[in-house]
Amino acid sequence: MADFSTPYDLYEALKAAWSSESSSSWSIENPAKGQCSVTSLVTQDLFGGSILKTKTYGGTHFYNAIDGVKWDMTVSQFDRPIPFEDRPATREEAMADTSEAQYHALKRRLELVLSSRSA
């Protein structure tokens, strides 16, 4: 997968890459919905760090810590504030909340977004 300079760069690409292929909850109105686990995995692939989790009214929510800073790329999916318990999570836990197909779909779509921007 291509490199992103910063997590901000990744976030901009994610907004275009999220789809129904990477989350069955995705919608045009709420593209981040259901993308937390797959996004936390891809973010860790690119920037290292750790995956964190918290309980929300909708279930377990995954996000990242990179160099001591929390990055929640999918917080926009929520319609109210959520607590951040910052409990450590494993890749296996995050993968159990998504699928290999969704994970590979998001990685593939990120590559397409990058190639379309450099064309």
Protein backbone atom coordinates (compact mmCIF):
# COMPACT_ATOMS: atom_id res chain seq x y z
CA MET A 1 0.00 0.00 0.00
CA ALA A 2 1.20 3.50 -0.75
CA ASP A 3 2.55 5.74 1.94
CA PHE A 4 0.71 8.66 3.45
CA SER A 5 2.69 11.53 4.91
CA THR A 6 0.44 12.07 7.91
CA PRO A 7 -2.71 10.62 9.46
CA TYR A 8 -4.47 13.74 8.12
CA ASP A 9 -3.56 12.68 4.57
CA LEU A 10 -4.91 9.21 5.28
CA TYR A 11 -8.17 10.65 6.63
CA GLU A 12 -8.76 12.65 3.46
CA ALA A 13 -8.25 9.51 1.37
CA LEU A 14 -10.41 7.38 3.66
CA LYS A 15 -13.39 9.67 3.12
CA ALA A 16 -13.24 8.79 -0.58
CA ALA A 17 -12.31 5.12 -0.03
CA TRP A 18 -14.98 4.05 2.46
CA SER A 19 -17.76 2.14 0.73
CA SER A 20 -20.26 -0.66 1.13
CA GLU A 21 -17.37 -2.98 0.26
CA SER A 22 -15.57 -2.06 3.49
CA SER A 23 -18.67 -1.85 5.73
CA SER A 24 -22.18 -3.17 5.30
CA SER A 25 -23.35 -0.16 7.36
CA TRP A 26 -21.87 2.41 4.95
CA SER A 27 -24.20 5.02 3.45
CA ILE A 28 -23.75 8.23 1.50
CA GLU A 29 -25.21 10.09 4.48
CA ASN A 30 -22.82 8.42 6.96
CA PRO A 31 -19.78 7.02 5.12
CA ALA A 32 -17.79 6.36 8.34
CA LYS A 33 -20.52 4.17 9.82
CA GLY A 34 -19.26 0.69 10.62
CA GLN A 35 -15.77 1.48 9.31
CA CYS A 36 -13.97 1.71 12.68
CA SER A 37 -12.45 -1.76 12.89
CA VAL A 38 -11.27 -1.98 9.29
CA THR A 39 -9.99 1.61 9.41
CA SER A 40 -8.07 1.01 12.65
CA LEU A 41 -6.34 -1.97 11.05
CA VAL A 42 -5.32 -0.07 7.92
CA THR A 43 -4.22 2.93 9.98
CA GLN A 44 -1.99 0.67 12.07
CA ASP A 45 -0.58 -0.90 8.88
CA LEU A 46 0.48 2.54 7.69
CA PHE A 47 1.53 4.35 10.87
CA GLY A 48 2.17 1.64 13.45
CA GLY A 49 1.08 2.47 16.95
CA SER A 50 -1.67 0.60 18.72
CA ILE A 51 -5.36 -0.09 18.35
CA LEU A 52 -7.62 1.07 21.17
CA LYS A 53 -11.25 0.32 21.92
CA THR A 54 -14.13 1.74 23.88
CA LYS A 55 -17.72 0.73 24.54
CA THR A 56 -20.37 2.87 22.90
CA TYR A 57 -24.14 2.73 22.71
CA GLY A 58 -23.66 0.87 19.42
CA GLY A 59 -21.08 -1.68 20.58
CA THR A 60 -17.30 -1.72 20.62
CA HIS A 61 -15.56 1.11 18.80
CA PHE A 62 -11.96 0.87 17.54
CA TYR A 63 -9.49 3.70 16.90
CA ASN A 64 -5.72 4.26 17.02
CA ALA A 65 -2.90 5.69 19.10
CA ILE A 66 0.10 6.82 17.05
CA ASP A 67 3.15 8.22 18.82
CA GLY A 68 1.05 8.84 21.95
CA VAL A 69 -1.72 10.69 20.10
CA LYS A 70 -5.26 9.33 19.69
CA TRP A 71 -6.59 9.23 16.13
CA ASP A 72 -10.25 8.36 15.60
CA MET A 73 -10.79 8.48 11.86
CA THR A 74 -14.42 7.31 12.13
CA VAL A 75 -15.79 9.38 15.03
CA SER A 76 -18.06 11.22 12.55
CA GLN A 77 -20.29 8.13 12.42
CA PHE A 78 -21.73 8.97 15.85
CA ASP A 79 -24.61 11.34 16.43
CA ARG A 80 -23.62 12.00 20.05
CA PRO A 81 -20.43 12.14 22.10
CA ILE A 82 -18.84 8.82 22.96
CA PRO A 83 -16.62 7.94 25.91
CA PHE A 84 -13.00 7.11 25.22
CA GLU A 85 -11.89 4.37 27.60
CA ASP A 86 -8.66 3.87 25.64
CA ARG A 87 -8.58 0.14 26.41
CA PRO A 88 -5.89 -1.78 24.50
CA ALA A 89 -7.19 -3.91 21.64
CA THR A 90 -5.51 -6.46 19.41
CA ARG A 91 -5.56 -6.76 15.65
CA GLU A 92 -7.45 -10.02 16.16
CA GLU A 93 -10.22 -8.20 18.05
CA ALA A 94 -10.51 -5.55 15.36
CA MET A 95 -10.47 -8.19 12.60
CA ALA A 96 -13.22 -10.12 14.38
CA ASP A 97 -15.39 -7.00 13.94
CA THR A 98 -14.81 -6.89 10.17
CA SER A 99 -13.70 -9.41 7.54
CA GLU A 100 -10.67 -10.13 5.40
CA ALA A 101 -12.73 -9.12 2.34
CA GLN A 102 -13.64 -5.74 3.86
CA TYR A 103 -10.05 -5.18 4.96
CA HIS A 104 -8.67 -5.88 1.49
CA ALA A 105 -11.44 -3.82 -0.12
CA LEU A 106 -10.48 -0.75 1.91
CA LYS A 107 -6.79 -1.18 1.12
CA ARG A 108 -7.60 -1.58 -2.60
CA ARG A 109 -9.86 1.48 -2.64
CA LEU A 110 -7.21 3.58 -0.87
CA GLU A 111 -4.77 2.66 -3.62
CA LEU A 112 -7.34 3.72 -6.24
CA VAL A 113 -7.91 7.06 -4.47
CA LEU A 114 -4.16 7.70 -4.41
CA SER A 115 -3.65 6.76 -8.04
CA SER A 116 -6.55 8.99 -9.14
CA ARG A 117 -5.06 11.93 -7.23
CA SER A 118 -1.65 11.52 -8.80
CA ALA A 119 -3.01 11.12 -12.33
